[in-house]
C-alpha atoms as a PDB file:
ATOM      1  CA  MET A   1      67.787  59.458  -7.510  1.00  0.00           C
ATOM      2  CA  SER A   2      69.537  56.362  -6.250  1.00  0.00           C
ATOM      3  CA  ARG A   3      72.888  55.162  -7.518  1.00  0.00           C
ATOM      4  CA  ARG A   4      71.208  52.125  -9.076  1.00  0.00           C
ATOM      5  CA  ASP A   5      68.701  54.304 -10.980  1.00  0.00           C
ATOM      6  CA  PHE A   6      71.537  56.535 -12.225  1.00  0.00           C
ATOM      7  CA  LEU A   7      73.531  53.546 -13.499  1.00  0.00           C
ATOM      8  CA  ASN A   8      70.452  52.088 -15.212  1.00  0.00           C
ATOM      9  CA  ILE A   9      69.707  55.413 -16.894  1.00  0.00           C
ATOM     10  CA  ALA A  10      73.319  55.795 -17.998  1.00  0.00           C
ATOM     11  CA  ALA A  11      73.443  52.263 -19.437  1.00  0.00           C
ATOM     12  CA  VAL A  12      70.142  52.451 -21.333  1.00  0.00           C
ATOM     13  CA  GLY A  13      70.617  56.094 -22.327  1.00  0.00           C
ATOM     14  CA  GLY A  14      74.115  55.389 -23.629  1.00  0.00           C
ATOM     15  CA  GLY A  15      72.793  52.449 -25.601  1.00  0.00           C
ATOM     16  CA  ALA A  16      70.007  54.627 -27.013  1.00  0.00           C
ATOM     17  CA  ILE A  17      72.497  57.268 -28.137  1.00  0.00           C
ATOM     18  CA  ILE A  18      74.638  54.649 -29.853  1.00  0.00           C
ATOM     19  CA  ALA A  19      71.598  53.047 -31.487  1.00  0.00           C
ATOM     20  CA  VAL A  20      70.311  56.394 -32.769  1.00  0.00           C
ATOM     21  CA  SER A  21      73.699  57.467 -34.120  1.00  0.00           C
ATOM     22  CA  MET A  22      74.277  54.261 -36.088  1.00  0.00           C
ATOM     23  CA  PRO A  23      73.229  54.511 -39.751  1.00  0.00           C
ATOM     24  CA  THR A  24      70.527  52.094 -40.894  1.00  0.00           C
ATOM     25  CA  ALA A  25      69.045  51.186 -44.255  1.00  0.00           C
ATOM     26  CA  SER A  26      65.608  52.292 -43.069  1.00  0.00           C
ATOM     27  CA  SER A  27      63.889  53.359 -39.901  1.00  0.00           C
ATOM     28  CA  ALA A  28      61.982  50.048 -39.926  1.00  0.00           C
ATOM     29  CA  ALA A  29      65.276  48.213 -39.462  1.00  0.00           C
ATOM     30  CA  ARG A  30      65.898  50.002 -36.147  1.00  0.00           C
ATOM     31  CA  LYS A  31      64.853  47.904 -33.152  1.00  0.00           C
ATOM     32  CA  LYS A  32      63.089  49.332 -30.153  1.00  0.00           C
ATOM     33  CA  PHE A  33      63.871  48.659 -26.511  1.00  0.00           C
ATOM     34  CA  SER A  34      61.611  46.180 -24.748  1.00  0.00           C
ATOM     35  CA  GLN A  35      59.435  47.567 -21.980  1.00  0.00           C
ATOM     36  CA  GLN A  36      61.562  45.613 -19.493  1.00  0.00           C
ATOM     37  CA  GLN A  37      64.823  47.103 -20.818  1.00  0.00           C
ATOM     38  CA  ALA A  38      63.387  50.615 -20.554  1.00  0.00           C
ATOM     39  CA  HIS A  39      61.994  49.912 -17.053  1.00  0.00           C
ATOM     40  CA  TYR A  40      58.577  50.968 -18.360  1.00  0.00           C
ATOM     41  CA  GLN A  41      55.754  51.323 -15.859  1.00  0.00           C
ATOM     42  CA  PRO A  42      52.136  52.208 -16.718  1.00  0.00           C
ATOM     43  CA  ILE A  43      51.994  54.918 -14.027  1.00  0.00           C
ATOM     44  CA  PRO A  44      53.756  58.321 -13.916  1.00  0.00           C
ATOM     45  CA  LYS A  45      56.875  58.945 -11.835  1.00  0.00           C
ATOM     46  CA  SER A  46      57.579  62.272 -10.130  1.00  0.00           C
ATOM     47  CA  GLY A  47      55.153  64.057 -12.452  1.00  0.00           C
ATOM     48  CA  GLN A  48      56.829  62.662 -15.584  1.00  0.00           C
ATOM     49  CA  ARG A  49      54.420  61.009 -18.038  1.00  0.00           C
ATOM     50  CA  CYS A  50      54.894  59.412 -21.462  1.00  0.00           C
ATOM     51  CA  GLN A  51      52.385  61.899 -22.839  1.00  0.00           C
ATOM     52  CA  THR A  52      54.806  64.771 -22.038  1.00  0.00           C
ATOM     53  CA  CYS A  53      57.887  62.957 -23.409  1.00  0.00           C
ATOM     54  CA  ALA A  54      59.599  63.917 -26.680  1.00  0.00           C
ATOM     55  CA  LEU A  55      59.543  60.233 -27.737  1.00  0.00           C
ATOM     56  CA  TRP A  56      55.750  59.882 -27.330  1.00  0.00           C
ATOM     57  CA  GLN A  57      53.684  58.926 -30.383  1.00  0.00           C
ATOM     58  CA  ALA A  58      49.948  59.291 -29.834  1.00  0.00           C
ATOM     59  CA  PRO A  59      47.750  57.467 -29.163  1.00  0.00           C
ATOM     60  CA  THR A  60      49.649  54.558 -27.513  1.00  0.00           C
ATOM     61  CA  SER A  61      53.224  54.171 -28.749  1.00  0.00           C
ATOM     62  CA  CYS A  62      56.804  55.365 -28.326  1.00  0.00           C
ATOM     63  CA  GLN A  63      59.664  55.935 -30.751  1.00  0.00           C
ATOM     64  CA  GLN A  64      62.082  53.910 -28.607  1.00  0.00           C
ATOM     65  CA  VAL A  65      59.988  51.446 -26.524  1.00  0.00           C
ATOM     66  CA  ASP A  66      58.181  48.477 -28.054  1.00  0.00           C
ATOM     67  CA  GLY A  67      54.541  47.606 -27.378  1.00  0.00           C
ATOM     68  CA  GLN A  68      51.489  49.508 -26.247  1.00  0.00           C
ATOM     69  CA  ILE A  69      52.363  52.480 -24.053  1.00  0.00           C
ATOM     70  CA  SER A  70      50.024  54.268 -21.648  1.00  0.00           C
ATOM     71  CA  PRO A  71      49.916  58.079 -21.926  1.00  0.00           C
ATOM     72  CA  ALA A  72      50.270  58.124 -18.126  1.00  0.00           C
ATOM     73  CA  GLY A  73      53.245  55.722 -18.158  1.00  0.00           C
ATOM     74  CA  TRP A  74      56.947  56.369 -17.564  1.00  0.00           C
ATOM     75  CA  CYS A  75      60.345  54.829 -18.391  1.00  0.00           C
ATOM     76  CA  ILE A  76      64.009  55.711 -17.891  1.00  0.00           C
ATOM     77  CA  LEU A  77      64.248  57.088 -21.440  1.00  0.00           C
ATOM     78  CA  TYR A  78      61.913  59.959 -20.508  1.00  0.00           C
ATOM     79  CA  ALA A  79      62.933  63.210 -22.220  1.00  0.00           C
ATOM     80  CA  PRO A  80      60.693  66.251 -21.704  1.00  0.00           C
ATOM     81  CA  LYS A  81      59.328  67.965 -24.807  1.00  0.00           C
ATOM     82  CA  SER A  82      61.143  71.203 -25.502  1.00  0.00           C
END
């Protein structure tokens, strides 16, 4: 992992933690990250795929990233299912 990738992950991940911990009136009021902010790509990276992420919502969406998401995609918010 490059230094740049680490800093991007830390910045977006830190923002995600803050966003999740803030109370909201409803879950609909919570905004998602854009695909650009999450560095989304429609192809897997190092064996990591959206379909195996804890944030994945079948068939083509994500809890944290806006827009249509490919099951084979990847972003820096990837968190493996436990």
